N, C-alpha and C. Protein backbone atom coordinates (compact mmCIF):
# COMPACT_ATOMS: atom_id res chain seq x y z
N MET A 1 50.37 0.06 46.79
CA MET A 1 49.41 -0.37 47.09
C MET A 1 48.33 1.03 47.34
N ASN A 2 47.39 1.01 46.79
CA ASN A 2 46.59 2.32 46.69
C ASN A 2 45.56 2.55 47.85
N HIS A 3 46.13 3.30 48.98
CA HIS A 3 45.24 3.44 49.85
C HIS A 3 43.80 3.88 49.58
N CYS A 4 43.58 4.31 48.70
CA CYS A 4 41.96 5.35 48.46
C CYS A 4 41.21 4.07 47.76
N ASP A 5 41.83 3.05 47.36
CA ASP A 5 40.81 1.96 46.85
C ASP A 5 39.92 1.29 47.83
N HIS A 6 38.90 1.74 47.96
CA HIS A 6 38.03 0.73 49.27
C HIS A 6 37.13 0.15 48.53
N SER A 7 36.64 -0.89 49.08
CA SER A 7 35.72 -1.81 48.72
C SER A 7 34.57 -1.64 49.21
N THR A 8 33.33 -1.93 48.91
CA THR A 8 31.98 -1.63 49.22
C THR A 8 31.60 -1.99 50.51
N PRO A 9 31.22 -0.79 51.25
CA PRO A 9 31.01 -1.33 52.71
C PRO A 9 30.22 -2.46 52.80
N ASP A 10 30.54 -3.47 53.79
CA ASP A 10 29.59 -4.40 54.22
C ASP A 10 28.26 -4.25 54.61
N LYS A 11 28.07 -2.79 55.47
CA LYS A 11 26.80 -2.69 56.28
C LYS A 11 26.19 -1.72 54.86
N GLU A 12 25.09 -1.89 54.59
CA GLU A 12 24.60 -0.88 53.85
C GLU A 12 22.94 -0.60 54.58
N THR A 13 22.36 0.53 54.68
CA THR A 13 21.45 0.59 54.88
C THR A 13 20.28 1.07 54.11
N ALA A 14 19.21 0.45 54.47
CA ALA A 14 17.91 0.76 53.23
C ALA A 14 17.28 1.98 53.44
N LEU A 15 17.67 2.81 52.66
CA LEU A 15 16.96 4.04 52.39
C LEU A 15 15.61 4.08 51.44
N THR A 16 14.29 4.63 52.07
CA THR A 16 13.24 4.67 51.37
C THR A 16 13.21 5.16 49.88
N PHE A 17 14.00 6.13 49.70
CA PHE A 17 14.19 6.86 48.50
C PHE A 17 15.45 6.98 48.04
N ASN A 18 15.44 7.20 46.90
CA ASN A 18 17.01 7.09 46.07
C ASN A 18 17.17 8.57 46.38
N LEU A 19 18.30 8.91 47.04
CA LEU A 19 18.56 10.37 47.24
C LEU A 19 20.21 10.70 46.29
N GLY A 20 20.02 9.97 45.35
CA GLY A 20 21.41 10.27 44.33
C GLY A 20 22.86 9.79 44.96
N THR A 21 23.84 10.14 44.64
CA THR A 21 25.28 9.78 44.75
C THR A 21 25.88 10.64 45.48
N PHE A 22 26.85 10.33 46.40
CA PHE A 22 27.55 11.70 47.20
C PHE A 22 29.12 11.11 46.79
N GLU A 23 30.23 12.29 46.72
CA GLU A 23 31.37 12.17 46.78
C GLU A 23 32.00 12.46 48.21
N GLY A 24 33.13 11.97 48.26
CA GLY A 24 33.87 11.92 49.42
C GLY A 24 35.50 12.28 49.55
N PHE A 25 35.77 12.56 51.16
CA PHE A 25 37.50 12.41 51.04
C PHE A 25 37.28 11.68 52.39
N ASN A 26 38.47 10.75 52.22
CA ASN A 26 38.86 10.34 53.41
C ASN A 26 40.25 10.71 54.05
N PHE A 27 39.94 10.88 55.23
CA PHE A 27 40.92 11.52 56.18
C PHE A 27 41.94 11.06 56.46
N ARG A 28 41.74 9.33 56.63
CA ARG A 28 42.76 8.56 57.47
C ARG A 28 43.76 8.59 56.20
N HIS A 29 43.62 8.11 54.74
CA HIS A 29 44.15 8.32 53.46
C HIS A 29 44.67 9.44 52.66
N HIS A 30 44.17 10.59 53.47
CA HIS A 30 44.47 11.79 52.80
C HIS A 30 44.03 12.08 51.69
N CYS A 31 42.82 11.66 51.02
CA CYS A 31 42.74 11.45 49.51
C CYS A 31 41.07 11.40 49.16
N ALA A 32 40.56 12.07 47.85
CA ALA A 32 39.46 11.53 47.63
C ALA A 32 38.87 10.10 47.91
N VAL A 33 37.59 9.87 48.25
CA VAL A 33 37.17 8.27 48.05
C VAL A 33 36.97 8.07 46.42
N GLU A 34 37.32 7.23 46.33
CA GLU A 34 37.86 7.08 44.56
C GLU A 34 36.49 6.85 43.68
N ARG A 35 35.61 6.16 44.53
CA ARG A 35 34.32 5.73 43.49
C ARG A 35 33.34 6.79 44.36
N ILE A 36 32.03 6.67 43.62
CA ILE A 36 30.87 7.60 43.96
C ILE A 36 30.17 6.66 44.48
N LEU A 37 29.40 7.18 45.92
CA LEU A 37 28.91 6.49 46.52
C LEU A 37 27.35 6.75 46.58
N THR A 38 26.59 5.60 46.92
CA THR A 38 25.16 5.89 46.74
C THR A 38 24.78 6.33 48.25
N ALA A 39 23.68 7.30 48.33
CA ALA A 39 23.11 7.48 49.91
C ALA A 39 23.43 6.39 50.68
N ASN A 40 22.67 5.01 50.64
CA ASN A 40 22.81 4.06 51.48
C ASN A 40 24.28 3.94 52.04
N GLU A 41 25.51 4.06 50.90
CA GLU A 41 26.61 3.60 51.12
C GLU A 41 27.21 4.60 52.20
N VAL A 42 26.76 5.77 51.88
CA VAL A 42 27.25 6.92 52.78
C VAL A 42 26.63 6.63 54.43
N VAL A 43 25.16 6.31 54.40
CA VAL A 43 24.56 6.14 55.89
C VAL A 43 25.56 4.95 56.47
N GLY A 44 25.86 3.98 55.66
CA GLY A 44 26.58 2.55 56.14
C GLY A 44 28.04 2.67 56.24
N TRP A 45 28.67 3.89 55.92
CA TRP A 45 30.25 4.17 55.96
C TRP A 45 30.48 3.97 57.38
N ASP A 46 31.45 2.75 57.51
CA ASP A 46 32.26 2.84 58.92
C ASP A 46 33.41 3.60 59.05
N HIS A 47 33.18 4.80 59.71
CA HIS A 47 34.39 5.64 59.90
C HIS A 47 35.34 4.87 60.70
N ASP A 48 35.46 3.88 61.70
CA ASP A 48 36.35 3.24 62.05
C ASP A 48 37.04 2.74 61.15
N ARG A 49 36.25 1.33 60.59
CA ARG A 49 36.89 0.63 59.65
C ARG A 49 37.33 1.35 58.25
N GLU A 50 36.56 1.86 57.83
CA GLU A 50 37.52 2.68 56.54
C GLU A 50 37.85 4.04 56.59
N GLY A 51 37.75 4.19 57.96
CA GLY A 51 38.48 5.85 57.63
C GLY A 51 37.68 7.14 58.03
N GLU A 52 38.01 7.95 58.73
CA GLU A 52 36.84 9.35 59.10
C GLU A 52 36.78 9.96 57.56
N ALA A 53 35.64 10.48 57.35
CA ALA A 53 35.34 10.97 56.14
C ALA A 53 34.25 11.75 56.24
N GLU A 54 34.38 12.47 54.95
CA GLU A 54 33.12 13.71 54.76
C GLU A 54 32.62 13.44 53.35
N PHE A 55 31.40 13.78 53.48
CA PHE A 55 30.54 13.55 51.84
C PHE A 55 29.95 14.72 51.49
N TRP A 56 29.35 14.78 50.31
CA TRP A 56 28.89 15.84 49.73
C TRP A 56 28.00 15.34 48.55
N PRO A 57 27.00 15.89 48.11
CA PRO A 57 26.33 15.56 46.85
C PRO A 57 26.76 15.40 45.93
N SER A 58 26.92 14.48 44.66
CA SER A 58 27.70 14.74 43.47
C SER A 58 26.91 15.40 42.63
N GLY A 59 25.56 16.08 43.02
CA GLY A 59 24.63 16.73 41.98
C GLY A 59 24.06 15.94 41.01
N ASP A 60 23.74 14.89 41.18
CA ASP A 60 23.08 14.15 40.31
C ASP A 60 21.37 13.83 40.51
N HIS A 61 21.38 14.64 42.04
CA HIS A 61 19.82 14.53 42.53
C HIS A 61 19.69 15.63 42.64
N PRO A 62 18.88 16.46 42.20
CA PRO A 62 18.73 17.65 42.30
C PRO A 62 17.90 18.15 43.85
N GLY A 63 16.96 17.58 43.91
CA GLY A 63 16.41 17.43 45.52
C GLY A 63 17.84 17.48 46.49
N ALA A 64 18.17 16.14 46.66
CA ALA A 64 19.42 16.10 47.84
C ALA A 64 20.36 17.34 47.76
N ALA A 65 20.91 17.93 46.29
CA ALA A 65 21.57 18.90 46.28
C ALA A 65 21.11 20.22 46.76
N LEU A 66 19.82 20.43 46.55
CA LEU A 66 19.17 21.49 47.06
C LEU A 66 19.23 21.71 48.66
N ILE A 67 18.87 20.71 49.36
CA ILE A 67 18.63 20.26 50.86
C ILE A 67 20.12 20.70 51.28
N PHE A 68 21.04 19.87 50.74
CA PHE A 68 22.53 20.12 51.39
C PHE A 68 23.41 20.95 50.55
N ARG A 69 22.90 21.97 49.93
CA ARG A 69 23.80 22.85 49.31
C ARG A 69 24.74 23.77 49.82
N ASN A 70 23.93 24.13 51.03
CA ASN A 70 24.77 25.23 51.93
C ASN A 70 25.69 24.25 52.99
N GLN A 71 25.86 23.14 53.20
CA GLN A 71 26.57 22.29 53.89
C GLN A 71 27.85 22.41 53.62
N GLN A 72 29.02 22.24 54.08
CA GLN A 72 30.18 21.77 53.78
C GLN A 72 30.52 20.13 53.62
N ALA A 73 29.54 19.62 54.35
CA ALA A 73 29.54 18.07 54.24
C ALA A 73 28.40 17.13 54.87
N VAL A 74 28.20 16.37 54.36
CA VAL A 74 26.73 15.64 54.95
C VAL A 74 27.24 14.44 55.40
N THR A 75 26.43 14.18 56.82
CA THR A 75 26.39 13.16 57.08
C THR A 75 25.68 11.79 57.29
N GLY A 76 25.59 10.59 57.49
CA GLY A 76 24.99 9.71 57.33
C GLY A 76 23.56 9.96 57.75
N SER A 77 23.55 10.38 58.87
CA SER A 77 22.37 10.95 59.94
C SER A 77 21.47 11.87 59.50
N GLU A 78 22.34 12.85 58.60
CA GLU A 78 21.63 13.93 57.75
C GLU A 78 20.62 13.31 56.77
N ILE A 79 21.10 12.36 55.96
CA ILE A 79 20.74 11.62 55.01
C ILE A 79 19.75 10.86 55.40
N VAL A 80 19.58 10.09 56.69
CA VAL A 80 18.86 9.35 57.23
C VAL A 80 17.36 10.25 57.30
N ALA A 81 17.75 11.55 58.33
CA ALA A 81 16.65 12.25 58.51
C ALA A 81 16.14 12.73 57.21
N LEU A 82 16.39 13.14 56.28
CA LEU A 82 15.64 13.64 55.02
C LEU A 82 14.94 12.44 54.82
N ASP A 83 15.87 11.45 54.31
CA ASP A 83 14.60 9.84 54.03
C ASP A 83 13.58 9.96 54.89
N ASP A 84 13.68 10.15 56.24
CA ASP A 84 12.31 9.89 56.94
C ASP A 84 11.51 11.23 57.13
N LEU A 85 11.85 12.53 56.62
CA LEU A 85 11.20 13.05 56.48
C LEU A 85 10.24 13.27 55.20
N LEU A 86 10.56 12.87 54.35
CA LEU A 86 10.16 12.46 52.96
C LEU A 86 9.30 11.46 53.01
N GLU A 87 9.20 10.32 53.79
CA GLU A 87 8.70 9.29 53.97
C GLU A 87 7.20 9.82 54.96
N GLN A 88 7.63 10.68 55.82
CA GLN A 88 6.08 11.33 56.57
C GLN A 88 5.68 12.45 55.51
N LEU A 89 6.08 12.76 54.82
CA LEU A 89 5.55 13.79 53.45
C LEU A 89 5.09 12.95 52.36
N SER A 90 5.19 11.70 52.28
CA SER A 90 4.38 10.99 51.42
C SER A 90 5.01 10.85 50.09
N GLY A 91 6.48 11.18 50.04
CA GLY A 91 6.84 11.15 49.24
C GLY A 91 8.29 12.02 48.41
N ASP A 92 9.34 12.14 47.46
CA ASP A 92 10.12 12.53 47.19
C ASP A 92 9.97 13.44 46.23
N SER A 93 8.49 14.36 46.14
CA SER A 93 8.45 14.83 45.14
C SER A 93 8.96 16.38 45.20
N ASP A 94 8.89 17.32 43.50
CA ASP A 94 9.73 18.31 44.31
C ASP A 94 9.31 19.23 45.27
N ARG A 95 7.87 18.85 45.30
CA ARG A 95 7.25 19.69 46.50
C ARG A 95 7.49 19.86 48.08
N SER A 96 7.87 18.24 48.09
CA SER A 96 8.40 17.51 49.24
C SER A 96 9.80 18.33 49.69
N PHE A 97 10.81 18.43 48.56
CA PHE A 97 12.06 19.19 48.95
C PHE A 97 12.28 20.48 49.07
N LEU A 98 11.28 21.38 48.03
CA LEU A 98 10.93 22.76 48.11
C LEU A 98 10.42 22.89 49.60
N ARG A 99 9.52 22.43 50.24
CA ARG A 99 8.88 22.39 51.78
C ARG A 99 10.24 22.45 52.70
N ILE A 100 10.96 21.42 52.55
CA ILE A 100 11.90 21.12 53.50
C ILE A 100 13.20 22.53 53.19
N HIS A 101 13.15 22.67 52.04
CA HIS A 101 14.29 23.90 51.64
C HIS A 101 13.92 25.12 52.40
N TYR A 102 12.88 25.27 52.34
CA TYR A 102 11.94 26.59 52.71
C TYR A 102 12.16 26.81 54.15
N ALA A 103 11.92 25.54 55.31
CA ALA A 103 12.08 25.75 56.39
C ALA A 103 13.43 26.21 56.75
N MET A 104 14.73 25.17 56.15
CA MET A 104 15.98 25.29 56.45
C MET A 104 16.62 26.62 55.97
N VAL A 105 16.05 27.39 54.89
CA VAL A 105 16.66 28.58 54.95
C VAL A 105 15.68 29.48 55.29
N VAL A 106 14.54 30.16 55.43
CA VAL A 106 13.60 30.63 56.13
C VAL A 106 13.60 30.48 57.66
N HIS A 107 13.79 29.55 58.27
CA HIS A 107 13.72 29.25 60.06
C HIS A 107 14.98 28.81 60.39
N GLY A 108 16.00 28.73 59.65
CA GLY A 108 17.31 28.37 59.86
C GLY A 108 17.09 26.92 60.78
N CYS A 109 16.36 25.98 60.15
CA CYS A 109 16.49 24.98 60.79
C CYS A 109 17.55 23.78 59.96
N ALA A 110 18.01 22.79 60.59
CA ALA A 110 18.94 21.63 60.43
C ALA A 110 17.50 20.66 60.00
N VAL A 111 18.38 19.71 58.56
CA VAL A 111 17.22 18.97 58.45
C VAL A 111 16.81 17.90 59.12
N ALA A 112 17.50 17.61 60.25
CA ALA A 112 17.44 16.75 61.61
C ALA A 112 16.84 17.14 62.26
N ASP A 113 16.38 18.56 62.35
CA ASP A 113 15.32 18.97 63.41
C ASP A 113 14.05 19.55 62.78
N ILE A 114 13.79 19.31 61.61
CA ILE A 114 12.52 19.58 61.05
C ILE A 114 11.28 18.57 61.51
N THR A 115 10.10 19.23 61.95
CA THR A 115 9.40 18.24 62.15
C THR A 115 7.96 18.44 60.92
N LEU A 116 7.14 17.45 60.34
CA LEU A 116 6.24 17.08 60.07
C LEU A 116 4.88 18.26 60.30
N ASN A 117 4.90 18.44 61.48
CA ASN A 117 4.08 19.64 62.01
C ASN A 117 4.46 20.94 61.62
N GLN A 118 5.83 21.26 61.80
CA GLN A 118 6.36 22.65 61.29
C GLN A 118 6.19 22.78 59.96
N LEU A 119 6.28 21.77 59.06
CA LEU A 119 6.19 21.89 57.58
C LEU A 119 4.84 22.30 57.09
N ASP A 120 3.63 21.33 58.12
CA ASP A 120 2.55 21.63 58.03
C ASP A 120 1.65 22.98 58.13
N ASP A 121 2.11 23.52 59.31
CA ASP A 121 2.09 24.70 59.59
C ASP A 121 2.07 25.44 58.60
N GLU A 122 2.94 25.59 57.36
CA GLU A 122 3.47 26.74 56.27
C GLU A 122 2.36 26.64 55.50
N ALA A 123 1.95 27.55 54.95
CA ALA A 123 0.74 28.03 54.13
C ALA A 123 1.69 28.31 52.96
N LEU A 124 2.51 27.57 52.48
CA LEU A 124 3.07 27.81 51.41
C LEU A 124 2.43 27.30 49.91
N GLN A 125 2.71 28.62 49.04
CA GLN A 125 2.03 28.02 47.43
C GLN A 125 3.53 27.77 46.73
N ILE A 126 3.70 26.94 45.98
CA ILE A 126 4.68 26.24 45.27
C ILE A 126 4.81 26.50 43.65
N PHE A 127 5.18 26.95 42.97
CA PHE A 127 5.28 26.86 41.70
C PHE A 127 6.56 26.57 41.09
N VAL A 128 6.15 25.51 39.72
CA VAL A 128 7.71 25.04 39.58
C VAL A 128 7.63 25.33 37.75
N GLY A 129 8.64 25.76 37.54
CA GLY A 129 8.69 25.61 36.02
C GLY A 129 9.97 25.93 35.48
N SER A 130 9.93 26.74 34.26
CA SER A 130 11.35 26.72 33.66
C SER A 130 12.23 28.16 33.73
N ASN A 131 11.06 29.13 34.12
CA ASN A 131 12.04 30.57 34.25
C ASN A 131 10.82 30.95 35.17
N PHE A 132 11.82 31.92 36.00
CA PHE A 132 11.27 32.83 37.05
C PHE A 132 10.14 33.70 36.83
N THR A 133 10.31 34.33 35.31
CA THR A 133 9.27 35.44 35.02
C THR A 133 7.86 34.93 34.80
N ASP A 134 7.87 33.78 34.07
CA ASP A 134 6.25 33.14 33.84
C ASP A 134 6.00 32.45 35.29
N LEU A 135 6.98 32.03 36.03
CA LEU A 135 6.36 31.59 37.56
C LEU A 135 5.53 33.04 38.55
N ARG A 136 6.44 33.84 38.29
CA ARG A 136 5.96 35.12 38.97
C ARG A 136 4.92 35.53 38.61
N ARG A 137 4.50 35.49 37.03
CA ARG A 137 3.25 35.79 37.07
C ARG A 137 2.37 35.05 37.26
N GLU A 138 2.63 33.49 36.95
CA GLU A 138 1.72 32.34 37.04
C GLU A 138 1.00 32.88 38.71
N ALA A 139 1.89 32.66 39.76
CA ALA A 139 1.99 32.90 41.03
C ALA A 139 0.93 34.12 41.68
N ALA A 140 1.44 35.23 40.86
CA ALA A 140 0.79 36.45 41.33
C ALA A 140 -0.67 36.13 40.88
N TYR A 141 -1.30 35.83 39.41
CA TYR A 141 -2.47 35.73 39.24
C TYR A 141 -3.19 34.74 40.21
N GLU A 142 -2.65 33.63 40.15
CA GLU A 142 -3.19 32.52 41.17
C GLU A 142 -3.53 33.16 42.65
N LEU A 143 -2.34 33.66 43.27
CA LEU A 143 -2.72 34.53 44.71
C LEU A 143 -4.13 35.04 44.56
N PHE A 144 -3.65 36.24 43.53
CA PHE A 144 -4.86 37.27 43.65
C PHE A 144 -6.18 36.67 43.42
N GLU A 145 -6.26 35.55 42.51
CA GLU A 145 -7.82 34.83 42.56
C GLU A 145 -8.02 34.24 43.57
N LEU A 146 -7.18 33.46 44.43
CA LEU A 146 -7.55 33.09 45.91
C LEU A 146 -7.71 33.66 46.90
N CYS A 147 -6.82 34.48 47.00
CA CYS A 147 -6.95 35.32 48.30
C CYS A 147 -7.57 36.85 47.96
N TYR A 148 -8.26 37.30 47.02
CA TYR A 148 -9.19 38.48 46.53
C TYR A 148 -9.89 38.44 45.67
N PRO A 149 -10.98 37.15 45.69
CA PRO A 149 -11.72 36.33 44.85
C PRO A 149 -12.48 37.33 44.07
N GLU A 150 -13.11 38.79 45.44
CA GLU A 150 -13.99 39.80 44.70
C GLU A 150 -13.30 40.52 43.75
N ALA A 151 -12.30 41.07 44.41
CA ALA A 151 -11.51 41.89 43.25
C ALA A 151 -11.03 41.49 42.15
N TYR A 152 -10.63 40.24 42.20
CA TYR A 152 -10.13 39.38 41.06
C TYR A 152 -11.15 39.28 39.61
N ALA A 153 -12.72 39.03 40.44
CA ALA A 153 -14.11 38.78 39.52
C ALA A 153 -13.71 40.19 39.03
N VAL A 154 -13.82 41.38 39.82
CA VAL A 154 -14.09 42.59 39.14
C VAL A 154 -13.06 43.20 38.25
N TRP A 155 -11.60 42.70 38.47
CA TRP A 155 -10.71 43.22 37.51
C TRP A 155 -10.62 42.18 36.33
N GLU A 156 -10.93 41.09 36.29
CA GLU A 156 -11.12 40.16 35.01
C GLU A 156 -12.66 40.39 34.22
N LYS A 157 -13.32 40.66 34.88
CA LYS A 157 -14.66 41.50 34.10
C LYS A 157 -14.51 42.77 33.66
N SER A 158 -13.55 43.57 33.73
CA SER A 158 -13.04 45.19 33.65
C SER A 158 -12.96 45.16 32.16
N THR A 159 -13.73 46.22 31.57
CA THR A 159 -13.24 46.43 29.90
C THR A 159 -12.63 47.58 30.14
N CYS A 160 -12.03 48.30 30.80
CA CYS A 160 -11.06 49.27 31.18
C CYS A 160 -9.59 48.72 30.51
N ASP A 161 -9.14 49.68 29.67
CA ASP A 161 -8.10 49.24 29.06
C ASP A 161 -6.84 49.85 30.30
N GLY A 162 -6.96 50.45 31.01
CA GLY A 162 -6.07 51.29 31.69
C GLY A 162 -5.95 50.65 32.80
N LEU A 163 -6.49 49.37 33.19
CA LEU A 163 -6.77 48.93 34.39
C LEU A 163 -5.86 47.76 34.32
N ILE A 164 -4.74 47.62 35.02
CA ILE A 164 -3.46 46.68 34.92
C ILE A 164 -3.50 46.11 36.04
N PHE A 165 -2.96 44.60 36.20
CA PHE A 165 -2.36 44.18 37.60
C PHE A 165 -1.00 43.92 37.33
N ASP A 166 -0.12 44.73 38.29
CA ASP A 166 1.34 44.46 38.46
C ASP A 166 1.63 43.70 39.24
N THR A 167 1.96 42.14 38.46
CA THR A 167 2.12 40.86 39.17
C THR A 167 3.53 41.50 40.17
N ASP A 168 4.33 42.20 39.64
CA ASP A 168 5.50 42.27 40.82
C ASP A 168 5.20 43.12 41.75
N ARG A 169 4.51 44.05 41.83
CA ARG A 169 4.24 44.74 43.02
C ARG A 169 3.38 44.01 43.71
N PHE A 170 2.60 43.33 43.51
CA PHE A 170 1.55 42.32 44.15
C PHE A 170 2.62 41.44 45.00
N LEU A 171 3.75 40.58 44.24
CA LEU A 171 4.27 39.53 44.78
C LEU A 171 5.50 40.31 45.81
N ASP A 172 5.48 41.75 45.12
CA ASP A 172 6.90 42.10 46.19
C ASP A 172 6.10 43.26 47.40
N SER A 173 4.72 43.05 47.58
CA SER A 173 4.18 43.68 48.57
C SER A 173 4.77 42.76 50.15
N PRO A 174 4.21 43.69 51.29
CA PRO A 174 5.09 43.11 52.34
C PRO A 174 3.72 42.04 52.71
N SER A 175 2.83 41.88 52.09
CA SER A 175 2.09 40.90 52.31
C SER A 175 2.67 39.03 52.15
N TRP A 176 3.63 39.31 51.57
CA TRP A 176 4.20 37.95 50.86
C TRP A 176 5.62 37.97 50.86
N SER A 177 6.18 36.55 51.10
CA SER A 177 7.47 36.42 51.33
C SER A 177 7.81 35.38 50.03
N VAL A 178 8.65 35.75 49.52
CA VAL A 178 8.48 34.88 48.26
C VAL A 178 10.36 34.60 48.10
N LEU A 179 10.34 33.18 47.68
CA LEU A 179 11.72 32.48 47.81
C LEU A 179 11.98 31.88 46.46
N GLU A 180 12.87 32.45 45.68
CA GLU A 180 13.07 31.71 44.01
C GLU A 180 14.39 30.81 44.64
N VAL A 181 14.02 29.78 43.96
CA VAL A 181 14.78 28.28 44.12
C VAL A 181 15.36 27.96 42.79
N GLU A 182 16.55 27.64 42.61
CA GLU A 182 16.97 26.73 41.32
C GLU A 182 17.18 25.20 41.54
N MET A 183 16.68 24.37 41.08
CA MET A 183 16.43 22.95 41.68
C MET A 183 16.88 22.28 39.96
N GLY A 184 18.36 22.12 40.25
CA GLY A 184 18.34 21.48 38.58
C GLY A 184 18.29 22.18 37.96
N ASP A 185 17.88 21.96 36.87
CA ASP A 185 17.21 22.88 35.65
C ASP A 185 16.03 23.33 35.57
N ARG A 186 15.17 22.88 36.75
CA ARG A 186 14.14 23.45 36.86
C ARG A 186 14.27 24.63 38.22
N LYS A 187 13.20 25.85 37.77
CA LYS A 187 13.17 26.98 38.97
C LYS A 187 11.57 26.49 39.38
N ALA A 188 11.93 27.39 40.71
CA ALA A 188 10.49 27.21 41.45
C ALA A 188 10.58 28.34 42.61
N LEU A 189 9.21 28.69 42.48
CA LEU A 189 8.82 30.22 43.61
C LEU A 189 8.12 29.67 44.53
N ILE A 190 8.25 29.89 45.63
CA ILE A 190 7.78 29.61 47.23
C ILE A 190 7.44 30.66 47.19
N VAL A 191 6.02 30.73 48.07
CA VAL A 191 5.11 32.20 48.09
C VAL A 191 4.54 31.78 49.30
N ALA A 192 4.78 32.72 50.64
CA ALA A 192 4.16 32.41 51.80
C ALA A 192 3.74 33.53 52.31
N PRO A 193 2.48 33.79 52.89
CA PRO A 193 2.04 34.94 53.54
C PRO A 193 2.94 35.29 54.63
N CYS A 194 2.78 36.53 54.83
CA CYS A 194 3.81 37.21 56.05
C CYS A 194 2.87 37.38 56.90
């Protein structure tokens, strides 16, 4: 008899968002859970009946993988907390995952401890693309125009060939906190004022 052959749990919790699939390890049977589980199945996992287990994202959902990448294991309650937070943010867009990730990385928050008010208090500018070089350039010009409109207008109208705008110096100044993030095959730049 194969102790790692588990049937689908009877109890399945309905999450609002698809958070991908998860792999697991069952400590009762001392082996990997043989099937890939949905986030709903992880939340509904009965540790008493099916065995104490730990789970981690399989990597098919870039947002869930980003949120849980620095954890050794993910609990069902953390998945529910993420789902609830995404619902409060009105969706599971890249921007929502990046806002949550920023709070976790910069402020050291656990996903279950993050509040919507905390996320709303952040004045984040988020740029998503395929490479960091283009994102840094886009972010610098956009923030220059947004935060210093008079200086930007003068710079833009200048006919002086020697007047250049150094995007790296602008973003690397003490005025900004810049976080480069890889999310699946996409790159993101999160910029916040210091």
